[in-house]
PDB file of N, CA and C in Angstrom:
ATOM      1  N   UNK A   1      42.888 -63.862  49.530  1.00  0.00           N
ATOM      2  CA  UNK A   1      41.849 -64.659  49.175  1.00  0.00           C
ATOM      3  C   UNK A   1      42.244 -65.300  47.844  1.00  0.00           C
ATOM      4  N   UNK A   2      42.765 -64.262  46.940  1.00  0.00           N
ATOM      5  CA  UNK A   2      42.930 -64.813  45.473  1.00  0.00           C
ATOM      6  C   UNK A   2      44.471 -64.916  45.112  1.00  0.00           C
ATOM      7  N   UNK A   3      45.344 -64.437  45.930  1.00  0.00           N
ATOM      8  CA  UNK A   3      46.686 -64.503  45.545  1.00  0.00           C
ATOM      9  C   UNK A   3      47.270 -66.160  45.311  1.00  0.00           C
ATOM     10  N   UNK A   4      48.080 -66.167  44.467  1.00  0.00           N
ATOM     11  CA  UNK A   4      48.534 -67.563  43.889  1.00  0.00           C
ATOM     12  C   UNK A   4      49.340 -67.138  42.880  1.00  0.00           C
ATOM     13  N   UNK A   5      50.175 -68.381  42.350  1.00  0.00           N
ATOM     14  CA  UNK A   5      51.027 -68.321  41.426  1.00  0.00           C
ATOM     15  C   UNK A   5      50.352 -67.951  40.072  1.00  0.00           C
ATOM     16  N   UNK A   6      49.213 -68.404  39.938  1.00  0.00           N
ATOM     17  CA  UNK A   6      48.533 -68.380  38.499  1.00  0.00           C
ATOM     18  C   UNK A   6      47.760 -67.053  38.285  1.00  0.00           C
ATOM     19  N   UNK A   7      47.900 -66.231  39.268  1.00  0.00           N
ATOM     20  CA  UNK A   7      47.265 -64.874  39.172  1.00  0.00           C
ATOM     21  C   UNK A   7      47.960 -63.726  39.609  1.00  0.00           C
ATOM     22  N   UNK A   8      47.775 -62.580  38.722  1.00  0.00           N
ATOM     23  CA  UNK A   8      48.426 -61.362  39.003  1.00  0.00           C
ATOM     24  C   UNK A   8      47.392 -60.399  39.418  1.00  0.00           C
ATOM     25  N   UNK A   9      47.396 -59.867  40.609  1.00  0.00           N
ATOM     26  CA  UNK A   9      46.558 -59.057  41.262  1.00  0.00           C
ATOM     27  C   UNK A   9      46.940 -57.614  41.144  1.00  0.00           C
ATOM     28  N   UNK A  10      46.021 -56.729  40.650  1.00  0.00           N
ATOM     29  CA  UNK A  10      46.186 -55.386  40.796  1.00  0.00           C
ATOM     30  C   UNK A  10      45.011 -54.672  41.563  1.00  0.00           C
ATOM     31  N   UNK A  11      45.555 -53.691  42.346  1.00  0.00           N
ATOM     32  CA  UNK A  11      44.361 -53.174  43.276  1.00  0.00           C
ATOM     33  C   UNK A  11      43.997 -51.593  42.838  1.00  0.00           C
ATOM     34  N   UNK A  12      43.010 -51.252  42.674  1.00  0.00           N
ATOM     35  CA  UNK A  12      42.471 -49.908  42.476  1.00  0.00           C
ATOM     36  C   UNK A  12      41.614 -49.557  43.514  1.00  0.00           C
ATOM     37  N   UNK A  13      41.537 -48.376  43.998  1.00  0.00           N
ATOM     38  CA  UNK A  13      40.634 -47.774  45.021  1.00  0.00           C
ATOM     39  C   UNK A  13      39.524 -47.079  44.745  1.00  0.00           C
ATOM     40  N   UNK A  14      39.536 -46.743  43.478  1.00  0.00           N
ATOM     41  CA  UNK A  14      38.219 -45.937  42.997  1.00  0.00           C
ATOM     42  C   UNK A  14      37.853 -46.506  41.647  1.00  0.00           C
ATOM     43  N   UNK A  15      36.424 -46.148  41.320  1.00  0.00           N
ATOM     44  CA  UNK A  15      35.912 -46.568  39.950  1.00  0.00           C
ATOM     45  C   UNK A  15      36.743 -46.032  38.874  1.00  0.00           C
ATOM     46  N   UNK A  16      37.143 -44.718  38.925  1.00  0.00           N
ATOM     47  CA  UNK A  16      37.756 -44.097  37.738  1.00  0.00           C
ATOM     48  C   UNK A  16      39.039 -44.749  37.787  1.00  0.00           C
ATOM     49  N   UNK A  17      39.728 -45.252  38.861  1.00  0.00           N
ATOM     50  CA  UNK A  17      41.105 -46.110  38.614  1.00  0.00           C
ATOM     51  C   UNK A  17      40.975 -47.233  38.125  1.00  0.00           C
ATOM     52  N   UNK A  18      39.861 -47.981  38.093  1.00  0.00           N
ATOM     53  CA  UNK A  18      39.525 -49.183  37.591  1.00  0.00           C
ATOM     54  C   UNK A  18      39.527 -49.038  36.083  1.00  0.00           C
ATOM     55  N   UNK A  19      38.635 -48.002  35.661  1.00  0.00           N
ATOM     56  CA  UNK A  19      38.279 -47.740  34.368  1.00  0.00           C
ATOM     57  C   UNK A  19      39.598 -47.409  33.597  1.00  0.00           C
ATOM     58  N   UNK A  20      40.400 -46.558  34.128  1.00  0.00           N
ATOM     59  CA  UNK A  20      41.728 -46.237  33.639  1.00  0.00           C
ATOM     60  C   UNK A  20      42.483 -47.306  33.270  1.00  0.00           C
ATOM     61  N   UNK A  21      42.731 -48.158  34.261  1.00  0.00           N
ATOM     62  CA  UNK A  21      43.512 -49.316  34.230  1.00  0.00           C
ATOM     63  C   UNK A  21      43.021 -50.410  33.205  1.00  0.00           C
ATOM     64  N   UNK A  22      41.750 -50.594  33.100  1.00  0.00           N
ATOM     65  CA  UNK A  22      41.123 -51.660  32.087  1.00  0.00           C
ATOM     66  C   UNK A  22      41.435 -50.950  30.533  1.00  0.00           C
ATOM     67  N   UNK A  23      41.440 -49.638  30.530  1.00  0.00           N
ATOM     68  CA  UNK A  23      41.456 -49.207  29.259  1.00  0.00           C
ATOM     69  C   UNK A  23      42.865 -48.961  28.728  1.00  0.00           C
ATOM     70  N   UNK A  24      43.771 -49.347  29.674  1.00  0.00           N
ATOM     71  CA  UNK A  24      45.424 -49.381  29.233  1.00  0.00           C
ATOM     72  C   UNK A  24      45.496 -50.763  28.613  1.00  0.00           C
ATOM     73  N   UNK A  25      44.628 -51.736  29.068  1.00  0.00           N
ATOM     74  CA  UNK A  25      44.549 -53.173  28.565  1.00  0.00           C
ATOM     75  C   UNK A  25      45.280 -54.044  29.351  1.00  0.00           C
ATOM     76  N   UNK A  26      45.209 -55.416  29.066  1.00  0.00           N
ATOM     77  CA  UNK A  26      45.834 -56.223  29.694  1.00  0.00           C
ATOM     78  C   UNK A  26      45.182 -56.905  30.976  1.00  0.00           C
ATOM     79  N   UNK A  27      43.914 -56.475  31.203  1.00  0.00           N
ATOM     80  CA  UNK A  27      43.125 -56.828  32.317  1.00  0.00           C
ATOM     81  C   UNK A  27      42.052 -57.908  31.973  1.00  0.00           C
ATOM     82  N   UNK A  28      42.185 -59.030  32.482  1.00  0.00           N
ATOM     83  CA  UNK A  28      41.329 -60.203  32.060  1.00  0.00           C
ATOM     84  C   UNK A  28      39.934 -60.095  32.849  1.00  0.00           C
ATOM     85  N   UNK A  29      40.062 -59.755  34.166  1.00  0.00           N
ATOM     86  CA  UNK A  29      38.950 -59.697  35.082  1.00  0.00           C
ATOM     87  C   UNK A  29      38.928 -58.564  36.096  1.00  0.00           C
ATOM     88  N   UNK A  30      37.763 -57.782  36.147  1.00  0.00           N
ATOM     89  CA  UNK A  30      37.534 -57.021  37.379  1.00  0.00           C
ATOM     90  C   UNK A  30      36.659 -57.644  38.219  1.00  0.00           C
ATOM     91  N   UNK A  31      37.169 -57.434  39.552  1.00  0.00           N
ATOM     92  CA  UNK A  31      36.347 -57.961  40.861  1.00  0.00           C
ATOM     93  C   UNK A  31      36.024 -56.620  41.425  1.00  0.00           C
ATOM     94  N   UNK A  32      34.708 -56.301  41.450  1.00  0.00           N
ATOM     95  CA  UNK A  32      34.151 -55.071  41.950  1.00  0.00           C
ATOM     96  C   UNK A  32      33.321 -55.262  42.989  1.00  0.00           C
ATOM     97  N   UNK A  33      33.400 -54.533  44.144  1.00  0.00           N
ATOM     98  CA  UNK A  33      32.456 -54.558  45.067  1.00  0.00           C
ATOM     99  C   UNK A  33      31.359 -53.424  44.559  1.00  0.00           C
ATOM    100  N   UNK A  34      30.037 -53.892  45.040  1.00  0.00           N
ATOM    101  CA  UNK A  34      28.805 -53.183  44.650  1.00  0.00           C
ATOM    102  C   UNK A  34      28.967 -51.694  45.030  1.00  0.00           C
ATOM    103  N   UNK A  35      29.753 -51.412  46.428  1.00  0.00           N
ATOM    104  CA  UNK A  35      29.886 -50.075  46.893  1.00  0.00           C
ATOM    105  C   UNK A  35      31.291 -49.557  47.015  1.00  0.00           C
ATOM    106  N   UNK A  36      31.986 -48.897  46.132  1.00  0.00           N
ATOM    107  CA  UNK A  36      33.441 -48.341  46.272  1.00  0.00           C
ATOM    108  C   UNK A  36      33.388 -46.877  46.004  1.00  0.00           C
ATOM    109  N   UNK A  37      33.241 -46.236  46.900  1.00  0.00           N
ATOM    110  CA  UNK A  37      33.383 -44.926  46.741  1.00  0.00           C
ATOM    111  C   UNK A  37      32.105 -44.338  45.831  1.00  0.00           C
ATOM    112  N   UNK A  38      32.520 -43.230  45.143  1.00  0.00           N
ATOM    113  CA  UNK A  38      31.483 -42.506  44.344  1.00  0.00           C
ATOM    114  C   UNK A  38      31.373 -43.263  43.132  1.00  0.00           C
ATOM    115  N   UNK A  39      31.873 -44.285  42.777  1.00  0.00           N
ATOM    116  CA  UNK A  39      31.475 -44.959  41.551  1.00  0.00           C
ATOM    117  C   UNK A  39      31.742 -46.366  41.847  1.00  0.00           C
ATOM    118  N   UNK A  40      30.566 -47.166  42.186  1.00  0.00           N
ATOM    119  CA  UNK A  40      30.665 -48.380  42.620  1.00  0.00           C
ATOM    120  C   UNK A  40      30.650 -49.473  41.491  1.00  0.00           C
ATOM    121  N   UNK A  41      30.604 -50.832  41.815  1.00  0.00           N
ATOM    122  CA  UNK A  41      30.697 -51.804  40.720  1.00  0.00           C
ATOM    123  C   UNK A  41      29.724 -51.792  39.747  1.00  0.00           C
ATOM    124  N   UNK A  42      28.507 -51.349  39.971  1.00  0.00           N
ATOM    125  CA  UNK A  42      27.378 -51.173  39.023  1.00  0.00           C
ATOM    126  C   UNK A  42      27.846 -50.293  37.822  1.00  0.00           C
ATOM    127  N   UNK A  43      28.152 -49.021  38.509  1.00  0.00           N
ATOM    128  CA  UNK A  43      28.645 -47.903  37.605  1.00  0.00           C
ATOM    129  C   UNK A  43      29.864 -48.385  36.627  1.00  0.00           C
ATOM    130  N   UNK A  44      30.882 -49.174  37.326  1.00  0.00           N
ATOM    131  CA  UNK A  44      32.062 -49.447  36.643  1.00  0.00           C
ATOM    132  C   UNK A  44      31.707 -50.506  35.599  1.00  0.00           C
ATOM    133  N   UNK A  45      30.836 -51.540  35.908  1.00  0.00           N
ATOM    134  CA  UNK A  45      30.369 -52.392  34.885  1.00  0.00           C
ATOM    135  C   UNK A  45      29.588 -51.775  33.723  1.00  0.00           C
ATOM    136  N   UNK A  46      28.761 -50.970  33.897  1.00  0.00           N
ATOM    137  CA  UNK A  46      27.967 -50.450  32.939  1.00  0.00           C
ATOM    138  C   UNK A  46      28.947 -49.417  31.997  1.00  0.00           C
ATOM    139  N   UNK A  47      29.786 -48.793  32.714  1.00  0.00           N
ATOM    140  CA  UNK A  47      30.877 -48.103  31.810  1.00  0.00           C
ATOM    141  C   UNK A  47      31.653 -48.904  30.835  1.00  0.00           C
ATOM    142  N   UNK A  48      32.124 -50.103  31.402  1.00  0.00           N
ATOM    143  CA  UNK A  48      32.918 -51.003  30.700  1.00  0.00           C
ATOM    144  C   UNK A  48      32.170 -51.588  29.469  1.00  0.00           C
ATOM    145  N   UNK A  49      30.840 -51.915  29.665  1.00  0.00           N
ATOM    146  CA  UNK A  49      30.044 -52.506  28.816  1.00  0.00           C
ATOM    147  C   UNK A  49      29.757 -51.466  27.570  1.00  0.00           C
ATOM    148  N   UNK A  50      29.626 -50.203  27.976  1.00  0.00           N
ATOM    149  CA  UNK A  50      29.441 -49.182  27.071  1.00  0.00           C
ATOM    150  C   UNK A  50      30.757 -48.905  26.401  1.00  0.00           C
ATOM    151  N   UNK A  51      31.952 -48.939  27.002  1.00  0.00           N
ATOM    152  CA  UNK A  51      33.096 -48.775  26.127  1.00  0.00           C
ATOM    153  C   UNK A  51      33.153 -49.886  25.121  1.00  0.00           C
ATOM    154  N   UNK A  52      32.639 -51.226  25.650  1.00  0.00           N
ATOM    155  CA  UNK A  52      33.096 -52.325  24.642  1.00  0.00           C
ATOM    156  C   UNK A  52      31.852 -52.104  23.220  1.00  0.00           C
ATOM    157  N   UNK A  53      30.776 -51.458  23.421  1.00  0.00           N
ATOM    158  CA  UNK A  53      29.889 -51.228  22.312  1.00  0.00           C
ATOM    159  C   UNK A  53      30.568 -50.462  21.163  1.00  0.00           C
ATOM    160  N   UNK A  54      31.658 -49.790  21.447  1.00  0.00           N
ATOM    161  CA  UNK A  54      32.148 -48.956  20.322  1.00  0.00           C
ATOM    162  C   UNK A  54      33.646 -48.917  20.079  1.00  0.00           C
ATOM    163  N   UNK A  55      34.516 -49.512  21.158  1.00  0.00           N
ATOM    164  CA  UNK A  55      35.727 -49.482  21.175  1.00  0.00           C
ATOM    165  C   UNK A  55      36.245 -50.817  20.810  1.00  0.00           C
ATOM    166  N   UNK A  56      37.481 -50.939  19.852  1.00  0.00           N
ATOM    167  CA  UNK A  56      38.003 -52.255  19.617  1.00  0.00           C
ATOM    168  C   UNK A  56      38.372 -52.864  20.746  1.00  0.00           C
ATOM    169  N   UNK A  57      38.683 -54.362  20.628  1.00  0.00           N
ATOM    170  CA  UNK A  57      39.078 -55.084  21.804  1.00  0.00           C
ATOM    171  C   UNK A  57      38.247 -56.112  22.287  1.00  0.00           C
ATOM    172  N   UNK A  58      38.747 -56.917  23.076  1.00  0.00           N
ATOM    173  CA  UNK A  58      37.864 -57.986  23.776  1.00  0.00           C
ATOM    174  C   UNK A  58      37.460 -57.419  24.956  1.00  0.00           C
ATOM    175  N   UNK A  59      36.197 -57.842  25.438  1.00  0.00           N
ATOM    176  CA  UNK A  59      35.428 -57.385  26.538  1.00  0.00           C
ATOM    177  C   UNK A  59      36.285 -57.941  27.841  1.00  0.00           C
ATOM    178  N   UNK A  60      36.213 -57.178  28.729  1.00  0.00           N
ATOM    179  CA  UNK A  60      36.583 -57.375  30.171  1.00  0.00           C
ATOM    180  C   UNK A  60      35.628 -58.055  31.074  1.00  0.00           C
ATOM    181  N   UNK A  61      35.695 -59.105  31.623  1.00  0.00           N
ATOM    182  CA  UNK A  61      35.025 -59.935  32.408  1.00  0.00           C
ATOM    183  C   UNK A  61      34.763 -59.065  33.732  1.00  0.00           C
ATOM    184  N   UNK A  62      33.550 -59.079  34.377  1.00  0.00           N
ATOM    185  CA  UNK A  62      33.424 -58.373  35.517  1.00  0.00           C
ATOM    186  C   UNK A  62      32.764 -59.284  36.447  1.00  0.00           C
ATOM    187  N   UNK A  63      33.121 -59.412  37.578  1.00  0.00           N
ATOM    188  CA  UNK A  63      32.721 -60.206  38.847  1.00  0.00           C
ATOM    189  C   UNK A  63      32.360 -59.217  39.937  1.00  0.00           C
ATOM    190  N   UNK A  64      31.023 -59.249  40.348  1.00  0.00           N
ATOM    191  CA  UNK A  64      30.386 -58.263  41.152  1.00  0.00           C
ATOM    192  C   UNK A  64      30.506 -59.023  42.660  1.00  0.00           C
ATOM    193  N   UNK A  65      30.858 -58.241  43.716  1.00  0.00           N
ATOM    194  CA  UNK A  65      30.661 -58.709  45.020  1.00  0.00           C
ATOM    195  C   UNK A  65      29.465 -57.922  45.554  1.00  0.00           C
ATOM    196  N   UNK A  66      28.438 -58.579  45.749  1.00  0.00           N
ATOM    197  CA  UNK A  66      26.939 -58.179  46.181  1.00  0.00           C
ATOM    198  C   UNK A  66      26.755 -58.077  47.715  1.00  0.00           C
ATOM    199  N   UNK A  67      26.121 -57.202  48.220  1.00  0.00           N
ATOM    200  CA  UNK A  67      25.738 -56.986  49.601  1.00  0.00           C
ATOM    201  C   UNK A  67      24.600 -57.972  50.067  1.00  0.00           C
ATOM    202  N   UNK A  68      23.650 -58.171  49.089  1.00  0.00           N
ATOM    203  CA  UNK A  68      22.479 -58.835  49.470  1.00  0.00           C
ATOM    204  C   UNK A  68      21.986 -59.470  48.130  1.00  0.00           C
ATOM    205  N   UNK A  69      21.204 -60.602  48.113  1.00  0.00           N
ATOM    206  CA  UNK A  69      20.719 -61.279  47.165  1.00  0.00           C
ATOM    207  C   UNK A  69      19.854 -60.349  46.196  1.00  0.00           C
ATOM    208  N   UNK A  70      19.118 -59.338  46.772  1.00  0.00           N
ATOM    209  CA  UNK A  70      18.353 -58.634  46.125  1.00  0.00           C
ATOM    210  C   UNK A  70      19.191 -57.745  45.005  1.00  0.00           C
ATOM    211  N   UNK A  71      20.396 -57.591  45.210  1.00  0.00           N
ATOM    212  CA  UNK A  71      21.204 -56.853  44.228  1.00  0.00           C
ATOM    213  C   UNK A  71      21.635 -57.563  42.954  1.00  0.00           C
ATOM    214  N   UNK A  72      21.208 -58.806  42.867  1.00  0.00           N
ATOM    215  CA  UNK A  72      21.436 -59.668  41.714  1.00  0.00           C
ATOM    216  C   UNK A  72      20.948 -59.123  40.504  1.00  0.00           C
ATOM    217  N   UNK A  73      19.657 -58.575  40.726  1.00  0.00           N
ATOM    218  CA  UNK A  73      18.885 -57.844  39.377  1.00  0.00           C
ATOM    219  C   UNK A  73      19.757 -56.874  38.855  1.00  0.00           C
ATOM    220  N   UNK A  74      20.438 -55.892  39.728  1.00  0.00           N
ATOM    221  CA  UNK A  74      21.311 -54.892  39.289  1.00  0.00           C
ATOM    222  C   UNK A  74      22.555 -55.337  38.496  1.00  0.00           C
ATOM    223  N   UNK A  75      23.058 -56.517  39.269  1.00  0.00           N
ATOM    224  CA  UNK A  75      24.302 -56.950  38.561  1.00  0.00           C
ATOM    225  C   UNK A  75      24.116 -57.569  37.142  1.00  0.00           C
ATOM    226  N   UNK A  76      23.002 -58.187  37.136  1.00  0.00           N
ATOM    227  CA  UNK A  76      22.647 -58.688  35.766  1.00  0.00           C
ATOM    228  C   UNK A  76      22.354 -57.648  34.768  1.00  0.00           C
ATOM    229  N   UNK A  77      21.452 -56.760  35.229  1.00  0.00           N
ATOM    230  CA  UNK A  77      21.217 -55.628  34.348  1.00  0.00           C
ATOM    231  C   UNK A  77      22.521 -54.771  33.747  1.00  0.00           C
ATOM    232  N   UNK A  78      23.503 -54.538  34.770  1.00  0.00           N
ATOM    233  CA  UNK A  78      24.640 -53.982  34.194  1.00  0.00           C
ATOM    234  C   UNK A  78      25.614 -54.722  33.492  1.00  0.00           C
ATOM    235  N   UNK A  79      25.363 -56.231  33.234  1.00  0.00           N
ATOM    236  CA  UNK A  79      26.155 -56.980  32.403  1.00  0.00           C
ATOM    237  C   UNK A  79      27.273 -57.650  32.885  1.00  0.00           C
ATOM    238  N   UNK A  80      27.158 -57.839  34.188  1.00  0.00           N
ATOM    239  CA  UNK A  80      28.128 -58.473  34.917  1.00  0.00           C
ATOM    240  C   UNK A  80      28.231 -60.003  34.525  1.00  0.00           C
ATOM    241  N   UNK A  81      29.418 -60.663  34.710  1.00  0.00           N
ATOM    242  CA  UNK A  81      29.576 -61.931  34.073  1.00  0.00           C
ATOM    243  C   UNK A  81      29.302 -62.979  35.350  1.00  0.00           C
ATOM    244  N   UNK A  82      29.253 -62.401  36.453  1.00  0.00           N
ATOM    245  CA  UNK A  82      29.023 -63.142  37.711  1.00  0.00           C
ATOM    246  C   UNK A  82      29.082 -62.341  38.833  1.00  0.00           C
ATOM    247  N   UNK A  83      28.606 -63.082  39.973  1.00  0.00           N
ATOM    248  CA  UNK A  83      28.373 -62.347  41.146  1.00  0.00           C
ATOM    249  C   UNK A  83      28.383 -63.338  42.367  1.00  0.00           C
ATOM    250  N   UNK A  84      29.096 -62.713  43.540  1.00  0.00           N
ATOM    251  CA  UNK A  84      29.133 -63.475  44.743  1.00  0.00           C
ATOM    252  C   UNK A  84      28.487 -62.482  45.899  1.00  0.00           C
ATOM    253  N   UNK A  85      27.532 -63.307  46.658  1.00  0.00           N
ATOM    254  CA  UNK A  85      26.799 -62.540  47.658  1.00  0.00           C
ATOM    255  C   UNK A  85      27.573 -62.773  48.966  1.00  0.00           C
ATOM    256  N   UNK A  86      27.624 -61.602  49.685  1.00  0.00           N
ATOM    257  CA  UNK A  86      28.270 -61.572  51.018  1.00  0.00           C
ATOM    258  C   UNK A  86      27.442 -62.193  51.912  1.00  0.00           C
ATOM    259  N   UNK A  87      28.051 -62.744  53.114  1.00  0.00           N
ATOM    260  CA  UNK A  87      29.449 -62.737  53.541  1.00  0.00           C
ATOM    261  C   UNK A  87      30.288 -63.538  52.478  1.00  0.00           C
ATOM    262  N   UNK A  88      31.443 -63.030  52.001  1.00  0.00           N
ATOM    263  CA  UNK A  88      32.305 -63.591  51.349  1.00  0.00           C
ATOM    264  C   UNK A  88      32.940 -64.946  51.812  1.00  0.00           C
ATOM    265  N   UNK A  89      33.092 -66.043  51.056  1.00  0.00           N
ATOM    266  CA  UNK A  89      33.700 -67.317  51.482  1.00  0.00           C
ATOM    267  C   UNK A  89      34.978 -67.489  50.391  1.00  0.00           C
ATOM    268  N   UNK A  90      36.169 -67.606  50.906  1.00  0.00           N
ATOM    269  CA  UNK A  90      37.280 -67.787  49.932  1.00  0.00           C
ATOM    270  C   UNK A  90      36.993 -68.826  48.846  1.00  0.00           C
ATOM    271  N   UNK A  91      36.350 -69.908  49.084  1.00  0.00           N
ATOM    272  CA  UNK A  91      36.134 -70.941  48.188  1.00  0.00           C
ATOM    273  C   UNK A  91      35.235 -70.472  47.039  1.00  0.00           C
ATOM    274  N   UNK A  92      34.089 -69.783  47.602  1.00  0.00           N
ATOM    275  CA  UNK A  92      33.106 -69.371  46.429  1.00  0.00           C
ATOM    276  C   UNK A  92      33.699 -68.418  45.670  1.00  0.00           C
ATOM    277  N   UNK A  93      34.619 -67.357  46.302  1.00  0.00           N
ATOM    278  CA  UNK A  93      35.063 -66.460  45.435  1.00  0.00           C
ATOM    279  C   UNK A  93      36.083 -66.968  44.393  1.00  0.00           C
ATOM    280  N   UNK A  94      36.976 -67.864  45.005  1.00  0.00           N
ATOM    281  CA  UNK A  94      38.042 -68.479  43.831  1.00  0.00           C
ATOM    282  C   UNK A  94      37.188 -69.281  42.817  1.00  0.00           C
ATOM    283  N   UNK A  95      35.991 -69.950  43.132  1.00  0.00           N
ATOM    284  CA  UNK A  95      35.300 -70.680  42.179  1.00  0.00           C
ATOM    285  C   UNK A  95      34.759 -69.802  41.196  1.00  0.00           C
ATOM    286  N   UNK A  96      34.205 -68.573  41.710  1.00  0.00           N
ATOM    287  CA  UNK A  96      33.603 -67.489  40.749  1.00  0.00           C
ATOM    288  C   UNK A  96      34.820 -67.125  39.837  1.00  0.00           C
ATOM    289  N   UNK A  97      35.908 -66.590  40.299  1.00  0.00           N
ATOM    290  CA  UNK A  97      37.027 -66.164  39.399  1.00  0.00           C
ATOM    291  C   UNK A  97      37.497 -67.278  38.369  1.00  0.00           C
ATOM    292  N   UNK A  98      37.750 -68.501  38.812  1.00  0.00           N
ATOM    293  CA  UNK A  98      37.986 -69.435  37.899  1.00  0.00           C
ATOM    294  C   UNK A  98      36.936 -69.604  36.773  1.00  0.00           C
ATOM    295  N   UNK A  99      35.542 -69.706  37.234  1.00  0.00           N
ATOM    296  CA  UNK A  99      34.539 -69.766  36.248  1.00  0.00           C
ATOM    297  C   UNK A  99      34.625 -68.549  35.181  1.00  0.00           C
ATOM    298  N   UNK A 100      34.380 -67.457  35.745  1.00  0.00           N
ATOM    299  CA  UNK A 100      34.472 -66.228  34.906  1.00  0.00           C
ATOM    300  C   UNK A 100      35.644 -66.158  33.970  1.00  0.00           C
ATOM    301  N   UNK A 101      36.790 -66.392  34.406  1.00  0.00           N
ATOM    302  CA  UNK A 101      38.162 -66.353  33.512  1.00  0.00           C
ATOM    303  C   UNK A 101      37.904 -67.372  32.417  1.00  0.00           C
ATOM    304  N   UNK A 102      37.263 -68.449  32.706  1.00  0.00           N
ATOM    305  CA  UNK A 102      37.007 -69.458  31.773  1.00  0.00           C
ATOM    306  C   UNK A 102      35.938 -69.042  30.661  1.00  0.00           C
ATOM    307  N   UNK A 103      35.392 -68.091  30.838  1.00  0.00           N
ATOM    308  CA  UNK A 103      34.440 -67.460  30.012  1.00  0.00           C
ATOM    309  C   UNK A 103      32.882 -67.896  30.239  1.00  0.00           C
ATOM    310  N   UNK A 104      32.799 -68.545  31.397  1.00  0.00           N
ATOM    311  CA  UNK A 104      31.579 -68.914  31.779  1.00  0.00           C
ATOM    312  C   UNK A 104      30.918 -67.834  32.639  1.00  0.00           C
ATOM    313  N   UNK A 105      29.487 -67.782  32.896  1.00  0.00           N
ATOM    314  CA  UNK A 105      28.912 -67.021  33.824  1.00  0.00           C
ATOM    315  C   UNK A 105      28.908 -67.713  35.207  1.00  0.00           C
ATOM    316  N   UNK A 106      28.885 -66.968  36.282  1.00  0.00           N
ATOM    317  CA  UNK A 106      28.756 -67.423  37.557  1.00  0.00           C
ATOM    318  C   UNK A 106      27.599 -66.940  38.427  1.00  0.00           C
ATOM    319  N   UNK A 107      26.780 -67.759  38.737  1.00  0.00           N
ATOM    320  CA  UNK A 107      25.545 -67.403  39.494  1.00  0.00           C
ATOM    321  C   UNK A 107      25.621 -67.901  40.899  1.00  0.00           C
ATOM    322  N   UNK A 108      25.831 -67.043  41.834  1.00  0.00           N
ATOM    323  CA  UNK A 108      26.234 -67.510  43.278  1.00  0.00           C
ATOM    324  C   UNK A 108      24.825 -68.050  43.945  1.00  0.00           C
ATOM    325  N   UNK A 109      24.828 -69.160  44.175  1.00  0.00           N
ATOM    326  CA  UNK A 109      23.580 -69.718  44.785  1.00  0.00           C
ATOM    327  C   UNK A 109      23.317 -69.443  46.385  1.00  0.00           C
ATOM    328  N   UNK A 110      24.466 -68.985  47.019  1.00  0.00           N
ATOM    329  CA  UNK A 110      24.472 -68.497  48.325  1.00  0.00           C
ATOM    330  C   UNK A 110      23.214 -67.684  48.827  1.00  0.00           C
ATOM    331  N   UNK A 111      22.499 -68.072  49.808  1.00  0.00           N
ATOM    332  CA  UNK A 111      21.291 -67.244  50.065  1.00  0.00           C
ATOM    333  C   UNK A 111      20.296 -67.140  49.240  1.00  0.00           C
ATOM    334  N   UNK A 112      20.202 -67.976  48.413  1.00  0.00           N
ATOM    335  CA  UNK A 112      19.144 -68.093  47.414  1.00  0.00           C
ATOM    336  C   UNK A 112      17.774 -68.779  48.028  1.00  0.00           C
ATOM    337  N   UNK A 113      16.763 -68.030  47.933  1.00  0.00           N
ATOM    338  CA  UNK A 113      15.583 -68.455  48.647  1.00  0.00           C
ATOM    339  C   UNK A 113      15.179 -69.959  48.073  1.00  0.00           C
ATOM    340  N   UNK A 114      14.678 -70.665  48.887  1.00  0.00           N
ATOM    341  CA  UNK A 114      14.159 -71.886  48.682  1.00  0.00           C
ATOM    342  C   UNK A 114      12.922 -71.814  47.845  1.00  0.00           C
ATOM    343  N   UNK A 115      12.635 -72.787  46.817  1.00  0.00           N
ATOM    344  CA  UNK A 115      11.416 -72.825  46.336  1.00  0.00           C
ATOM    345  C   UNK A 115      10.521 -73.944  46.892  1.00  0.00           C
ATOM    346  N   UNK A 116       9.335 -73.552  47.140  1.00  0.00           N
ATOM    347  CA  UNK A 116       8.540 -74.239  47.884  1.00  0.00           C
ATOM    348  C   UNK A 116       7.383 -74.650  46.833  1.00  0.00           C
ATOM    349  N   UNK A 117       6.980 -76.019  46.789  1.00  0.00           N
ATOM    350  CA  UNK A 117       5.973 -76.467  45.933  1.00  0.00           C
ATOM    351  C   UNK A 117       4.892 -77.041  46.756  1.00  0.00           C
ATOM    352  N   UNK A 118       3.676 -76.997  46.342  1.00  0.00           N
ATOM    353  CA  UNK A 118       2.585 -77.592  47.153  1.00  0.00           C
ATOM    354  C   UNK A 118       2.561 -79.114  46.292  1.00  0.00           C
ATOM    355  N   UNK A 119       2.244 -80.051  46.980  1.00  0.00           N
ATOM    356  CA  UNK A 119       2.042 -81.355  46.338  1.00  0.00           C
ATOM    357  C   UNK A 119       0.478 -81.729  46.575  1.00  0.00           C
ATOM    358  N   UNK A 120      -0.101 -82.526  45.739  1.00  0.00           N
ATOM    359  CA  UNK A 120      -1.461 -82.977  46.127  1.00  0.00           C
ATOM    360  C   UNK A 120      -2.133 -83.433  45.125  1.00  0.00           C
TER     361      UNK A 120
END
């Protein structure tokens, strides 16, 4: 979904692996699923934000892949820079990655409840 000449992708299968790799440096963005083993995306994001509060260096952007719209609150509280709600669509994921790498936040509008207003 993300492979291309302008991105280098590294995979990690556990939360501790992600943290270890980020702490080594050179990672611009972590794309983390809400649920990956014993340490999911929320815990990864919170741990990275904790590290950034006292360690030198630039923050690492985090894009969360959420299971449902209700998880947006958790992603925001954890300090995620953006989120995409499943089911994943390659165009939305690529747009989110580009946006977050640019330094902006990405708020996925997919499955957002409609706002209803009474007129009268």
